Protein backbone atom coordinates (compact mmCIF):
# COMPACT_ATOMS: atom_id res chain seq x y z
CA MET A 1 28.99 35.59 11.88
CA SER A 2 26.73 34.34 9.16
CA ARG A 3 26.41 30.64 8.64
CA THR A 4 26.81 29.14 5.22
CA GLN A 5 23.89 26.90 4.50
CA GLY A 6 24.01 24.11 2.00
CA PRO A 7 21.46 23.65 -0.73
CA VAL A 8 18.01 22.74 0.45
CA PRO A 9 17.29 19.16 -0.60
CA ARG A 10 14.54 18.84 -3.16
CA LYS A 11 11.47 17.00 -2.05
CA LYS A 12 10.82 13.92 -4.12
CA PRO A 13 7.62 13.95 -6.11
CA SER A 14 4.67 12.10 -4.67
CA GLN A 15 3.82 9.03 -6.72
CA ALA A 16 0.27 9.08 -5.38
CA MET A 17 -0.30 12.65 -6.59
CA ALA A 18 1.14 11.82 -10.00
CA VAL A 19 -1.14 8.80 -10.32
CA LEU A 20 -4.13 10.87 -9.22
CA GLY A 21 -3.36 13.39 -11.95
CA ILE A 22 -3.08 10.63 -14.56
CA CYS A 23 -6.39 9.20 -13.34
CA ALA A 24 -8.09 12.57 -13.80
CA VAL A 25 -6.73 12.86 -17.35
CA VAL A 26 -7.83 9.31 -18.24
CA PHE A 27 -11.28 9.88 -16.73
CA ILE A 28 -11.79 13.09 -18.72
CA GLY A 29 -10.50 11.42 -21.90
CA PHE A 30 -12.89 8.48 -21.54
CA SER A 31 -15.76 10.85 -20.74
CA LEU A 32 -15.19 12.74 -23.99
CA THR A 33 -14.54 9.77 -26.27
CA LEU A 34 -16.50 6.76 -24.96
CA PRO A 35 -20.28 6.81 -25.35
CA GLY A 36 -21.99 5.76 -22.15
CA PHE A 37 -18.95 6.15 -19.91
CA LEU A 38 -20.63 8.91 -17.90
CA SER A 39 -24.00 7.18 -17.77
CA PHE A 40 -25.44 6.57 -14.32
CA GLY A 41 -25.46 2.81 -14.80
CA ASN A 42 -21.82 2.69 -15.84
CA LEU A 43 -20.71 4.89 -12.95
CA LEU A 44 -22.55 2.57 -10.55
CA ALA A 45 -20.78 -0.42 -12.08
CA LEU A 46 -17.47 1.42 -11.83
CA ALA A 47 -18.07 2.19 -8.15
CA ARG A 48 -18.94 -1.43 -7.37
CA ASN A 49 -15.88 -2.81 -9.17
CA ILE A 50 -13.58 -0.24 -7.58
CA SER A 51 -14.93 -1.17 -4.15
CA ILE A 52 -14.06 -4.87 -4.41
CA LEU A 53 -10.65 -4.22 -5.94
CA GLY A 54 -9.92 -1.53 -3.37
CA VAL A 55 -10.77 -3.70 -0.37
CA LEU A 56 -8.51 -6.49 -1.65
CA ALA A 57 -5.72 -3.96 -2.27
CA LEU A 58 -6.00 -2.60 1.29
CA GLY A 59 -5.21 -6.06 2.64
CA MET A 60 -2.37 -6.57 0.17
CA ALA A 61 -0.89 -3.17 1.05
CA ILE A 62 -0.33 -4.22 4.65
CA VAL A 63 1.82 -7.15 3.53
CA VAL A 64 3.70 -5.13 0.90
CA ILE A 65 4.46 -2.34 3.39
CA ALA A 66 6.02 -5.07 5.53
CA ARG A 67 8.15 -6.12 2.55
CA GLY A 68 6.12 -9.21 1.72
CA LEU A 69 3.74 -10.44 -0.96
CA ASP A 70 0.65 -12.65 -0.81
CA LEU A 71 -0.24 -14.46 -4.03
CA SER A 72 -2.79 -16.60 -2.18
CA GLN A 73 -5.12 -13.73 -1.25
CA VAL A 74 -7.63 -14.26 -4.05
CA ALA A 75 -7.59 -18.04 -3.53
CA SER A 76 -8.28 -17.74 0.19
CA MET A 77 -10.98 -15.13 -0.52
CA ALA A 78 -12.73 -17.24 -3.17
CA CYS A 79 -12.58 -20.52 -1.27
CA SER A 80 -13.63 -19.11 2.09
CA THR A 81 -16.58 -17.24 0.58
CA ALA A 82 -17.58 -20.37 -1.37
CA VAL A 83 -17.70 -22.27 1.93
CA THR A 84 -19.74 -19.41 3.40
CA LEU A 85 -22.29 -19.77 0.60
CA ILE A 86 -22.49 -23.54 1.16
CA LEU A 87 -23.11 -23.05 4.88
CA MET A 88 -25.77 -20.42 4.22
CA ASN A 89 -27.50 -22.78 1.77
CA ASP A 90 -27.36 -25.53 4.42
CA GLY A 91 -29.36 -23.37 6.80
CA TRP A 92 -26.65 -21.84 8.95
CA PRO A 93 -27.49 -18.37 10.30
CA THR A 94 -25.88 -15.76 8.06
CA PRO A 95 -23.66 -14.22 10.81
CA LEU A 96 -22.38 -17.67 11.82
CA ALA A 97 -21.67 -18.67 8.21
CA LEU A 98 -19.82 -15.39 7.63
CA ALA A 99 -17.78 -15.90 10.80
CA ALA A 100 -16.85 -19.43 9.71
CA GLY A 101 -15.65 -18.16 6.33
CA LEU A 102 -13.62 -15.44 8.02
CA CYS A 103 -11.95 -18.01 10.27
CA ILE A 104 -10.95 -20.06 7.22
CA ALA A 105 -9.44 -17.03 5.46
CA VAL A 106 -7.55 -15.90 8.56
CA ALA A 107 -6.28 -19.44 9.14
CA VAL A 108 -4.78 -19.46 5.63
CA GLY A 109 -3.08 -16.14 6.38
CA LEU A 110 -1.72 -17.40 9.69
CA VAL A 111 -0.28 -20.51 8.03
CA ASN A 112 1.35 -18.35 5.37
CA GLY A 113 2.86 -16.10 8.03
CA TRP A 114 4.09 -19.07 10.05
CA LEU A 115 5.76 -20.71 7.05
CA ILE A 116 7.42 -17.44 6.05
CA SER A 117 8.57 -16.29 9.49
CA VAL A 118 9.26 -19.54 11.36
CA VAL A 119 10.15 -22.02 8.62
CA GLU A 120 11.72 -19.10 6.68
CA MET A 121 10.29 -20.02 3.30
CA PRO A 122 10.26 -17.36 0.54
CA ALA A 123 7.01 -15.39 0.59
CA LEU A 124 6.50 -15.56 -3.18
CA LEU A 125 6.72 -19.35 -3.45
CA THR A 126 4.97 -19.96 -0.14
CA THR A 127 1.85 -17.99 -0.98
CA LEU A 128 1.77 -19.32 -4.54
CA ALA A 129 1.83 -22.89 -3.21
CA SER A 130 -0.67 -22.25 -0.43
CA GLY A 131 -3.11 -20.65 -2.89
CA LEU A 132 -2.96 -23.73 -5.11
CA ALA A 133 -3.35 -26.01 -2.08
CA VAL A 134 -6.35 -24.14 -0.72
CA LEU A 135 -8.06 -24.22 -4.11
CA GLY A 136 -7.36 -27.93 -4.52
CA ILE A 137 -8.63 -28.80 -1.04
CA THR A 138 -11.79 -26.78 -1.55
CA ARG A 139 -12.50 -28.34 -4.95
CA SER A 140 -11.94 -31.88 -3.68
CA THR A 141 -13.91 -31.61 -0.44
CA ALA A 142 -16.60 -28.92 -0.67
CA VAL A 143 -17.12 -27.55 -4.18
CA GLN A 144 -17.55 -30.20 -6.85
CA HIS A 145 -18.19 -27.58 -9.51
CA PHE A 146 -16.52 -24.22 -10.00
CA VAL A 147 -19.67 -22.21 -9.27
CA VAL A 148 -21.46 -22.00 -5.90
CA ASN A 149 -24.81 -20.19 -6.08
CA LEU A 150 -26.63 -18.61 -3.15
CA GLY A 151 -30.05 -20.15 -2.66
CA PRO A 152 -33.28 -18.24 -1.99
CA GLY A 153 -34.17 -16.68 1.33
CA HIS A 154 -31.14 -14.43 1.84
CA GLU A 155 -32.55 -11.10 0.72
CA GLN A 156 -31.14 -9.27 3.75
CA PHE A 157 -27.63 -10.39 2.90
CA LEU A 158 -28.00 -9.44 -0.76
CA ARG A 159 -28.70 -5.85 0.25
CA LEU A 160 -24.97 -5.56 0.89
CA GLY A 161 -24.51 -5.78 -2.87
CA GLY A 162 -27.29 -3.33 -3.69
CA ASN A 163 -27.75 0.41 -3.36
CA LEU A 164 -28.52 2.56 -0.35
CA PRO A 165 -31.16 5.31 -0.45
CA GLY A 166 -29.95 7.91 -2.94
CA GLY A 167 -28.39 5.33 -5.26
CA VAL A 168 -25.08 4.99 -3.40
CA PRO A 169 -23.72 1.42 -3.74
CA ALA A 170 -23.49 -0.30 -0.37
CA SER A 171 -20.18 -1.81 -1.48
CA LEU A 172 -18.73 1.70 -1.82
CA VAL A 173 -19.66 2.40 1.79
CA VAL A 174 -17.88 -0.82 2.81
CA PHE A 175 -14.77 0.31 0.91
CA VAL A 176 -14.78 3.75 2.53
CA ALA A 177 -15.19 2.18 5.97
CA ALA A 178 -12.30 -0.19 5.25
CA VAL A 179 -10.15 2.74 4.10
CA VAL A 180 -10.79 4.61 7.35
CA LEU A 181 -10.16 1.59 9.57
CA VAL A 182 -6.94 0.52 7.82
CA HIS A 183 -5.68 4.12 7.83
CA LEU A 184 -6.29 4.43 11.56
CA PHE A 185 -4.64 1.07 12.18
CA LEU A 186 -1.49 1.87 10.20
CA SER A 187 -1.09 5.48 11.32
CA ARG A 188 -2.45 5.59 14.88
CA THR A 189 -1.62 2.24 16.48
CA VAL A 190 1.58 0.73 17.81
CA LEU A 191 1.11 -2.36 15.64
CA GLY A 192 0.80 -0.15 12.57
CA ARG A 193 4.12 1.52 13.38
CA PHE A 194 5.68 -1.88 13.96
CA ILE A 195 4.56 -2.96 10.46
CA TYR A 196 6.28 0.06 8.89
CA ALA A 197 9.42 -0.58 10.93
CA HIS A 198 9.36 -4.24 9.94
CA GLY A 199 9.19 -3.39 6.26
CA ASP A 200 11.69 -0.55 6.46
CA ASN A 201 14.45 -2.69 7.99
CA PRO A 202 13.49 -6.27 8.95
CA GLU A 203 16.83 -7.13 10.50
CA GLY A 204 16.96 -3.87 12.45
CA ALA A 205 13.41 -4.45 13.69
CA ARG A 206 14.38 -7.88 14.96
CA LEU A 207 17.52 -6.61 16.69
CA THR A 208 15.57 -3.87 18.46
CA GLY A 209 13.28 -6.46 20.00
CA LEU A 210 10.21 -6.33 17.77
CA PRO A 211 8.38 -9.68 17.68
CA THR A 212 8.88 -10.08 13.95
CA ARG A 213 7.55 -13.64 13.70
CA PRO A 214 4.16 -12.97 15.33
CA LEU A 215 4.08 -9.67 13.44
CA THR A 216 4.52 -11.47 10.11
CA MET A 217 1.71 -13.85 10.99
CA LEU A 218 -0.51 -10.89 11.86
CA GLU A 219 0.28 -9.17 8.56
CA TYR A 220 -0.71 -12.15 6.44
CA ALA A 221 -3.77 -12.83 8.59
CA LEU A 222 -4.92 -9.23 8.09
CA CYS A 223 -4.32 -9.50 4.34
CA ALA A 224 -6.46 -12.63 4.11
CA GLY A 225 -9.13 -11.31 6.49
CA ILE A 226 -9.54 -8.00 4.68
CA GLY A 227 -9.55 -9.85 1.38
CA TYR A 228 -12.40 -11.98 2.72
CA VAL A 229 -14.42 -8.80 3.28
CA GLY A 230 -13.95 -8.00 -0.40
CA GLY A 231 -15.13 -11.51 -1.24
CA VAL A 232 -18.27 -11.08 0.87
CA VAL A 233 -19.09 -7.91 -1.04
CA MET A 234 -18.53 -9.80 -4.29
CA ILE A 235 -20.92 -12.64 -3.45
CA ALA A 236 -23.49 -10.13 -2.17
CA GLN A 237 -23.42 -8.45 -5.59
CA THR A 238 -23.56 -11.61 -7.71
CA ALA A 239 -25.19 -14.18 -5.37
CA LEU A 240 -22.49 -16.66 -6.39
CA MET A 241 -18.78 -17.41 -6.22
CA HIS A 242 -16.98 -18.70 -9.29
CA LEU A 243 -13.74 -20.37 -8.24
CA GLN A 244 -12.18 -19.73 -11.64
CA VAL A 245 -11.56 -16.20 -10.37
CA VAL A 246 -8.50 -17.75 -8.71
CA GLU A 247 -7.10 -18.66 -12.12
CA GLY A 248 -7.71 -15.20 -13.59
CA THR A 249 -5.77 -11.97 -13.34
CA LEU A 250 -7.48 -10.53 -10.25
CA ILE A 251 -4.48 -11.10 -7.99
CA PHE A 252 -2.26 -9.23 -10.45
CA ASP A 253 -4.80 -6.40 -10.61
CA VAL A 254 -4.56 -6.13 -6.82
CA ILE A 255 -0.75 -6.03 -6.88
CA LEU A 256 -0.90 -3.51 -9.73
CA VAL A 257 -3.15 -1.22 -7.67
CA VAL A 258 -0.83 -1.39 -4.67
CA VAL A 259 2.43 -0.78 -6.52
CA LEU A 260 0.99 1.81 -8.88
CA GLY A 261 -0.31 3.95 -6.03
CA GLY A 262 3.09 4.16 -4.36
CA VAL A 263 3.34 1.30 -1.86
CA SER A 264 6.96 0.38 -2.44
CA LEU A 265 7.96 -3.24 -2.99
CA THR A 266 11.08 -2.48 -0.94
CA GLY A 267 8.89 -2.09 2.13
CA GLY A 268 8.26 0.59 4.71
CA ARG A 269 6.63 3.08 2.35
CA GLY A 270 3.11 3.84 1.20
CA ASN A 271 -0.21 4.39 2.88
CA VAL A 272 -3.94 4.07 2.38
CA ALA A 273 -4.02 7.09 0.08
CA SER A 274 -1.65 5.21 -2.24
CA VAL A 275 -4.14 2.35 -2.43
CA VAL A 276 -7.09 4.67 -3.09
CA VAL A 277 -5.48 6.47 -6.03
CA GLY A 278 -4.17 3.22 -7.50
CA THR A 279 -7.65 1.72 -7.24
CA LEU A 280 -9.21 4.71 -8.96
CA LEU A 281 -6.81 4.61 -11.91
CA ILE A 282 -6.97 0.86 -12.49
CA GLY A 283 -10.74 0.83 -12.01
CA VAL A 284 -11.21 3.57 -14.59
CA LEU A 285 -8.80 1.87 -17.02
CA LEU A 286 -10.52 -1.51 -16.73
CA ASN A 287 -13.95 0.07 -17.11
CA GLY A 288 -12.89 2.03 -20.17
CA MET A 289 -11.28 -1.00 -21.82
CA THR A 290 -14.45 -3.00 -21.19
CA ILE A 291 -16.57 -0.33 -22.88
CA MET A 292 -14.15 -0.33 -25.81
CA ASP A 293 -14.69 -4.11 -25.97
CA LEU A 294 -10.97 -4.86 -25.95
CA ASP A 295 -10.15 -8.55 -25.84
CA ILE A 296 -8.59 -10.01 -22.72
CA GLN A 297 -5.15 -10.30 -24.31
CA THR A 298 -5.06 -6.59 -25.14
CA GLN A 299 -6.22 -5.72 -21.63
CA ASN A 300 -3.47 -7.88 -20.15
CA ILE A 301 -0.89 -6.13 -22.35
CA VAL A 302 -2.06 -2.73 -21.10
CA LYS A 303 -2.05 -3.86 -17.47
CA GLY A 304 1.39 -5.43 -17.87
CA ILE A 305 2.83 -2.23 -19.32
CA VAL A 306 1.27 -0.17 -16.53
CA LEU A 307 2.68 -2.54 -13.87
CA LEU A 308 6.15 -2.41 -15.39
CA GLY A 309 5.93 1.38 -15.50
CA ALA A 310 4.92 1.47 -11.83
CA ILE A 311 7.86 -0.75 -10.85
CA VAL A 312 10.27 1.45 -12.82
CA LEU A 313 8.82 4.55 -11.16
CA ASP A 314 9.19 2.91 -7.75
CA SER A 315 12.85 2.13 -8.53
CA VAL A 316 13.50 5.73 -9.65
CA LEU A 317 11.84 7.29 -6.61
CA HIS A 318 13.36 4.79 -4.16
CA PRO A 319 16.77 3.72 -5.49
CA ARG A 320 18.20 0.45 -4.28
CA ASP A 321 21.24 2.13 -2.75
CA GLU A 322 18.99 3.85 -0.22
CA GLU A 323 17.65 0.48 0.93
CA THR A 324 21.08 -1.15 1.19
CA SER A 325 22.52 1.82 3.09
CA LYS A 326 19.73 1.56 5.66
CA GLN A 327 20.61 -2.07 6.27
CA GLY A 328 24.35 -1.50 6.36
CA ASP A 329 25.03 -3.62 3.29
């Protein structure tokens, strides 16, 4: 007897592949229309900017995959790296100063995770408040002015912001290394699988025995720690940290990269490839708008429209009824 088979379900389109295609079209369009876009100097600048944005987005992706959000990432990055610069200027050995800054960033992430998982405060308001608190504490105790400059005698450290033999930016190598490490962590380790399970169904993860509270603290600590790496690359490139970066749109650029690439705000979906393609598209867009000398308001309008489009696309590809059915609502 022959069996009657139902229709084969259609595979949903990959958001990452769609974004990669859009990025290729935008890159070709800018190459043909913007003078200097394909120049060696501009491509180097593009690679450096993409690297910093990409490293920050890798940390944010871990939290978003776990169905969270960290609005304090840029604040913890800026303040911890500012303290690192102060310690280096005071004569601390560079490795020790870097380790101290990392401890500060991770501590902020752990406090965020504790408040969210143990005190059960909303992630959005918690990280917004902690970012403001960290900035205020840093400004009142360590940084009297917004800018902290790196003093002379740190040429070895500044090489991290330069180019390797062959003209390859060292920051790009850091980004690639971070991509590989985060990919291996999320896809090949037990903790990585726990993070996906936590974001896919938090209540189900708790009922099956996953340590969701320590896991939440780990997620936010990783977000802050990886973000600190991006901050170290930034200060190596510029030899300074300007705390007004906290008040700018960098945190929204990071969230835009994550959501645009396909890391779903509903949790449990997305990967490192999503972050990479989102970083490429936003990096190319920002670089092109800078060459066109668009004012900051116009750039914000473009980024806002792109973010709204990414959220709509996320909702279309991952309807809310799928999420509620998984949780039994």
